[in-house]
N, C-alpha and C. Protein backbone atom coordinates (compact mmCIF):
# COMPACT_ATOMS: atom_id res chain seq x y z
N MET A 1 0.85 -1.45 0.12
CA MET A 1 -0.18 -0.04 0.10
C MET A 1 0.88 1.17 0.24
N ARG A 2 2.09 1.28 0.93
CA ARG A 2 2.83 2.33 0.58
C ARG A 2 3.40 2.73 -0.75
N THR A 3 3.56 1.98 -1.62
CA THR A 3 4.07 2.05 -2.78
C THR A 3 2.83 2.76 -3.80
N ARG A 4 1.25 2.46 -3.53
CA ARG A 4 0.17 3.15 -3.99
C ARG A 4 0.01 4.23 -3.63
N VAL A 5 0.33 4.65 -2.32
CA VAL A 5 0.01 5.65 -1.41
C VAL A 5 1.18 6.84 -2.37
N ARG A 6 2.45 6.18 -2.62
CA ARG A 6 3.47 7.57 -3.24
C ARG A 6 3.06 7.54 -4.36
N ASP A 7 2.58 6.77 -5.32
CA ASP A 7 2.12 6.83 -6.64
C ASP A 7 1.09 7.84 -6.75
N VAL A 8 0.30 7.84 -5.87
CA VAL A 8 -1.10 8.49 -5.78
C VAL A 8 -0.81 9.87 -5.65
N LEU A 9 0.27 10.34 -4.71
CA LEU A 9 0.65 11.71 -3.94
C LEU A 9 1.40 12.13 -5.36
N ARG A 10 2.10 11.38 -6.27
CA ARG A 10 3.30 11.92 -7.31
C ARG A 10 1.99 12.31 -8.15
N LYS A 11 0.74 11.69 -8.51
CA LYS A 11 0.34 11.85 -9.68
C LYS A 11 -0.63 13.27 -9.28
N ILE A 12 -1.13 13.19 -7.75
CA ILE A 12 -1.75 14.51 -7.64
C ILE A 12 -0.81 15.88 -7.88
N ALA A 13 0.44 15.60 -7.34
CA ALA A 13 1.72 16.57 -7.50
C ALA A 13 1.65 16.87 -8.85
N PHE A 14 1.89 16.29 -9.46
CA PHE A 14 1.56 16.68 -11.21
C PHE A 14 0.28 17.06 -11.58
N GLU A 15 -0.46 16.68 -11.44
CA GLU A 15 -1.91 17.48 -11.76
C GLU A 15 -1.82 18.71 -11.38
N HIS A 16 -1.40 19.39 -10.08
CA HIS A 16 -1.53 20.18 -9.77
C HIS A 16 -0.07 21.47 -9.94
N ASP A 17 0.73 20.71 -10.49
CA ASP A 17 1.70 21.85 -11.11
C ASP A 17 2.83 22.11 -9.67
N LEU A 18 3.20 20.56 -8.86
CA LEU A 18 3.83 20.71 -8.05
C LEU A 18 5.21 19.72 -8.45
N ARG A 19 6.18 19.90 -7.92
CA ARG A 19 7.29 19.09 -8.27
C ARG A 19 7.76 18.49 -6.99
N VAL A 20 7.62 17.06 -6.86
CA VAL A 20 8.27 16.29 -5.74
C VAL A 20 9.49 16.20 -5.83
N VAL A 21 10.62 16.99 -5.10
CA VAL A 21 11.96 16.92 -5.23
C VAL A 21 12.36 15.61 -4.32
N SER A 22 11.89 14.93 -3.29
CA SER A 22 12.08 14.19 -2.53
C SER A 22 10.96 13.36 -1.74
N GLY A 23 10.80 12.31 -1.00
CA GLY A 23 9.60 11.97 -0.24
C GLY A 23 10.02 10.48 0.33
N LYS A 24 9.36 10.14 1.54
CA LYS A 24 9.45 8.89 1.89
C LYS A 24 8.04 8.46 2.36
N VAL A 25 7.75 7.33 2.23
CA VAL A 25 6.11 6.79 2.57
C VAL A 25 6.51 6.24 4.08
N GLY A 26 6.06 6.30 5.05
CA GLY A 26 6.54 5.47 6.06
C GLY A 26 5.53 4.73 6.60
N SER A 27 5.40 4.06 8.02
CA SER A 27 4.43 3.33 8.24
C SER A 27 3.17 4.00 8.47
N ASP A 28 3.26 5.60 9.28
CA ASP A 28 2.32 6.12 9.68
C ASP A 28 2.59 7.80 9.29
N HIS A 29 3.41 8.21 8.30
CA HIS A 29 3.45 9.27 8.13
C HIS A 29 4.18 9.42 6.76
N VAL A 30 4.32 10.68 5.88
CA VAL A 30 4.85 10.85 4.84
C VAL A 30 5.80 12.02 4.86
N HIS A 31 6.98 12.21 4.20
CA HIS A 31 7.79 13.13 4.34
C HIS A 31 7.72 13.44 2.59
N MET A 32 7.47 14.64 2.38
CA MET A 32 7.75 15.46 1.05
C MET A 32 8.56 16.58 1.15
N LEU A 33 9.58 16.63 0.07
CA LEU A 33 10.05 17.88 -0.30
C LEU A 33 9.72 18.27 -1.49
N VAL A 34 8.75 19.42 -1.75
CA VAL A 34 7.83 19.99 -2.59
C VAL A 34 8.27 20.95 -3.18
N SER A 35 8.33 21.31 -4.44
CA SER A 35 8.86 22.52 -4.96
C SER A 35 7.26 23.30 -5.66
N TYR A 36 7.18 24.33 -5.38
CA TYR A 36 5.90 24.92 -5.79
C TYR A 36 5.77 26.39 -6.21
N ARG A 37 4.95 26.82 -7.36
CA ARG A 37 4.98 28.32 -7.74
C ARG A 37 4.50 29.15 -6.42
N PRO A 38 5.58 30.62 -6.53
CA PRO A 38 5.15 31.31 -5.39
C PRO A 38 3.53 31.47 -5.40
N ASN A 39 2.54 31.60 -6.26
CA ASN A 39 1.07 32.08 -6.19
C ASN A 39 0.40 30.95 -5.64
N GLN A 40 1.16 29.48 -5.58
CA GLN A 40 0.18 28.41 -4.68
C GLN A 40 0.54 28.86 -3.25
N ASP A 41 -0.55 28.28 -2.63
CA ASP A 41 -0.79 28.28 -1.14
C ASP A 41 -0.45 27.14 -0.48
N ILE A 42 0.35 27.03 0.25
CA ILE A 42 0.70 25.61 1.00
C ILE A 42 -0.40 24.90 1.75
N SER A 43 -1.20 25.70 2.44
CA SER A 43 -2.59 24.64 2.96
C SER A 43 -3.52 24.51 1.73
N THR A 44 -3.70 24.88 0.62
CA THR A 44 -4.29 24.45 -0.19
C THR A 44 -3.46 22.98 -0.98
N ILE A 45 -2.39 23.41 -0.89
CA ILE A 45 -1.33 22.30 -1.63
C ILE A 45 -1.83 21.07 -0.70
N VAL A 46 -1.32 21.11 0.54
CA VAL A 46 -1.50 19.69 1.52
C VAL A 46 -3.22 19.65 1.73
N GLN A 47 -3.89 20.31 1.12
CA GLN A 47 -5.23 20.08 1.26
C GLN A 47 -5.51 19.08 0.09
N ARG A 48 -5.48 19.36 -0.86
CA ARG A 48 -5.39 18.47 -2.14
C ARG A 48 -4.65 17.05 -2.12
N LEU A 49 -3.27 17.36 -1.49
CA LEU A 49 -2.81 16.10 -1.34
C LEU A 49 -3.32 15.25 -0.33
N LYS A 50 -3.86 15.73 0.60
CA LYS A 50 -4.29 14.61 1.61
C LYS A 50 -5.77 14.32 1.33
N GLY A 51 -6.72 15.10 0.85
CA GLY A 51 -7.93 14.90 0.73
C GLY A 51 -8.23 13.69 -0.47
N ILE A 52 -7.31 14.27 -1.61
CA ILE A 52 -7.51 13.57 -2.97
C ILE A 52 -7.06 12.32 -2.60
N SER A 53 -5.71 11.89 -1.83
CA SER A 53 -5.14 10.66 -1.57
C SER A 53 -6.05 9.90 -0.86
N SER A 54 -6.59 10.46 -0.08
CA SER A 54 -7.62 9.73 1.17
C SER A 54 -8.82 9.20 0.30
N ARG A 55 -9.47 9.81 -0.46
CA ARG A 55 -10.50 9.54 -1.23
C ARG A 55 -9.90 8.06 -2.36
N VAL A 56 -8.82 8.46 -2.90
CA VAL A 56 -8.48 7.47 -3.68
C VAL A 56 -7.95 6.33 -3.06
N ILE A 57 -7.27 6.10 -1.75
CA ILE A 57 -7.02 5.10 -1.27
C ILE A 57 -7.88 4.28 -0.47
N LEU A 58 -8.76 5.11 0.18
CA LEU A 58 -10.01 4.23 0.80
C LEU A 58 -10.93 3.62 -0.34
N GLN A 59 -11.00 4.23 -1.63
CA GLN A 59 -11.74 3.68 -2.29
C GLN A 59 -10.90 2.14 -2.82
N GLU A 60 -9.81 2.22 -3.05
CA GLU A 60 -9.04 1.04 -3.71
C GLU A 60 -8.74 0.11 -2.48
N PHE A 61 -8.56 0.57 -1.14
CA PHE A 61 -8.63 -0.56 -0.05
C PHE A 61 -9.82 -0.43 0.60
N PRO A 62 -10.78 -1.44 0.56
CA PRO A 62 -12.03 -1.34 1.04
C PRO A 62 -12.07 -1.82 2.58
N ARG A 63 -10.86 -2.37 2.91
CA ARG A 63 -10.67 -3.00 4.27
C ARG A 63 -10.43 -1.43 5.00
N LEU A 64 -9.74 -0.51 4.65
CA LEU A 64 -9.40 0.56 5.34
C LEU A 64 -10.63 1.49 5.81
N ARG A 65 -11.50 1.37 4.71
CA ARG A 65 -12.95 2.27 5.24
C ARG A 65 -13.36 1.56 6.46
N LYS A 66 -13.33 0.44 6.55
CA LYS A 66 -13.63 0.02 8.11
C LYS A 66 -13.09 0.50 9.31
N GLU A 67 -11.84 0.11 8.76
CA GLU A 67 -10.68 0.54 9.83
C GLU A 67 -10.64 2.06 10.42
N PHE A 68 -11.01 2.90 9.40
CA PHE A 68 -10.81 4.18 9.75
C PHE A 68 -12.52 4.82 9.61
N TRP A 69 -13.69 4.28 9.78
CA TRP A 69 -14.99 4.45 9.82
C TRP A 69 -14.76 5.50 10.92
N GLY A 70 -15.20 6.74 10.51
CA GLY A 70 -15.62 7.94 11.56
C GLY A 70 -14.48 8.60 12.11
N ARG A 71 -13.29 8.36 10.96
CA ARG A 71 -12.09 8.83 11.58
C ARG A 71 -11.56 9.26 10.26
N HIS A 72 -10.09 10.25 10.26
CA HIS A 72 -9.68 10.67 9.07
C HIS A 72 -8.48 9.41 8.61
N PHE A 73 -8.27 9.68 7.48
CA PHE A 73 -7.42 8.64 7.11
C PHE A 73 -5.69 9.39 7.37
N TRP A 74 -5.80 10.47 7.12
CA TRP A 74 -4.56 11.46 7.42
C TRP A 74 -5.01 12.06 8.87
N ALA A 75 -3.70 12.49 9.58
CA ALA A 75 -4.03 13.21 10.66
C ALA A 75 -4.33 14.74 10.01
N ARG A 76 -5.13 15.56 11.03
CA ARG A 76 -5.45 16.69 10.82
C ARG A 76 -4.60 17.61 10.43
N GLY A 77 -3.40 17.75 11.12
CA GLY A 77 -2.57 18.74 10.94
C GLY A 77 -1.40 18.15 10.09
N TYR A 78 -0.33 19.05 9.98
CA TYR A 78 0.93 18.81 8.89
C TYR A 78 1.73 20.12 9.39
N LEU A 79 2.98 19.52 9.17
CA LEU A 79 4.36 20.79 9.37
C LEU A 79 4.49 20.98 7.89
N ALA A 80 4.77 22.37 7.81
CA ALA A 80 5.38 23.01 6.44
C ALA A 80 6.32 23.84 6.81
N VAL A 81 7.60 23.38 6.16
CA VAL A 81 8.78 24.85 6.67
C VAL A 81 9.03 25.09 5.32
N SER A 82 9.79 26.28 5.08
CA SER A 82 10.33 26.53 3.84
C SER A 82 11.92 26.23 3.88
N ALA A 83 12.37 25.72 3.05
CA ALA A 83 13.95 25.27 2.94
C ALA A 83 14.82 26.40 3.28
N GLY A 84 14.67 27.80 3.04
CA GLY A 84 15.39 28.71 3.19
C GLY A 84 16.79 28.71 2.49
N ALA A 85 17.70 28.74 3.64
CA ALA A 85 19.21 28.74 3.52
C ALA A 85 19.69 27.04 3.24
N ILE A 86 18.65 26.14 3.92
CA ILE A 86 19.16 24.64 3.68
C ILE A 86 18.93 24.27 2.37
N THR A 87 20.15 23.52 1.97
CA THR A 87 19.90 22.78 0.58
C THR A 87 18.99 21.49 0.67
N ASP A 88 18.65 21.29 -0.77
CA ASP A 88 17.71 20.32 -0.95
C ASP A 88 18.65 18.99 -0.66
N LYS A 89 19.75 18.90 -1.11
CA LYS A 89 20.60 17.71 -0.45
C LYS A 89 20.29 17.43 0.99
N LEU A 90 20.54 18.65 1.93
CA LEU A 90 20.43 18.10 3.41
C LEU A 90 18.94 17.79 3.79
N ILE A 91 18.10 18.06 2.98
CA ILE A 91 16.67 18.11 3.42
C ILE A 91 16.33 16.68 3.16
N LYS A 92 17.02 16.16 1.70
CA LYS A 92 16.89 14.56 1.25
C LYS A 92 17.37 13.86 2.14
N HIS A 93 18.83 13.96 2.82
CA HIS A 93 19.35 13.54 3.78
C HIS A 93 18.55 12.91 4.97
N TYR A 94 17.95 13.97 5.47
CA TYR A 94 17.37 14.28 6.41
C TYR A 94 16.23 13.20 6.10
N ILE A 95 15.14 13.59 5.25
CA ILE A 95 14.14 12.51 4.93
C ILE A 95 14.55 11.04 5.05
N ASP A 96 15.98 10.72 4.26
CA ASP A 96 16.17 9.35 4.07
C ASP A 96 16.48 8.88 5.43
N GLU A 97 17.10 9.67 6.31
CA GLU A 97 17.46 9.18 8.10
C GLU A 97 16.36 9.20 8.89
N GLN A 98 15.08 9.50 8.75
CA GLN A 98 14.17 9.42 9.47
C GLN A 98 14.10 8.26 10.26
N ALA A 99 14.40 8.34 11.56
CA ALA A 99 13.94 7.52 12.94
C ALA A 99 14.22 6.28 12.18
N GLY A 100 15.37 5.65 11.27
CA GLY A 100 15.94 4.56 11.31
C GLY A 100 14.67 3.50 10.66
N GLU A 101 13.61 3.95 10.06
CA GLU A 101 12.41 3.10 10.07
C GLU A 101 12.64 2.55 8.48
N GLN A 102 12.48 1.02 8.71
CA GLN A 102 12.52 0.40 7.58
C GLN A 102 11.64 0.58 6.50
N VAL A 103 12.27 1.03 5.50
CA VAL A 103 11.23 1.52 4.34
C VAL A 103 11.91 0.91 3.13
N ARG A 104 11.16 0.42 2.37
CA ARG A 104 12.14 -0.17 1.15
C ARG A 104 12.16 0.99 -0.28
N ASP A 105 12.98 0.56 -0.90
CA ASP A 105 13.59 1.68 -1.91
C ASP A 105 12.15 2.11 -2.76
N GLU A 106 11.64 0.87 -3.07
CA GLU A 106 10.40 1.37 -3.72
C GLU A 106 9.18 2.30 -3.25
N ASP A 107 9.52 2.42 -1.64
CA ASP A 107 8.52 3.44 -0.88
C ASP A 107 9.04 4.68 -1.03
N ASN A 108 10.21 5.06 -1.55
CA ASN A 108 10.46 6.57 -1.60
C ASN A 108 9.96 6.92 -2.95
N PHE A 109 9.91 8.43 -3.06
CA PHE A 109 9.71 9.12 -3.89
C PHE A 109 10.65 9.14 -5.23
N GLU A 110 11.82 9.03 -4.87
CA GLU A 110 12.90 8.96 -5.96
C GLU A 110 12.97 7.49 -6.53
N VAL A 111 12.58 6.89 -7.47
CA VAL A 111 12.78 5.59 -7.86
C VAL A 111 13.38 5.84 -9.40
């Protein structure tokens, strides 16, 4: 399912003129380094990524509808930070090293 979540998020990003620079789908969260146009609003970007992906995943995996009945697929909040003076390479390294979680290569956004 992680690979499907990754693919769905990639597709949504492409359809909304976003560039996924790097990312990783973990067991209970996703890290994404996204490049977007200055006129795009981060809250709208996250709303689209979470909302559309939630609908798609819950339709494709019916057992999850029962598991998440009355609850949200994604957590209500999100963390968004500007890269500022930090390089993309440093952020990619951070994403790759997150909590030492066992993630297969195909679950990364850079395949």
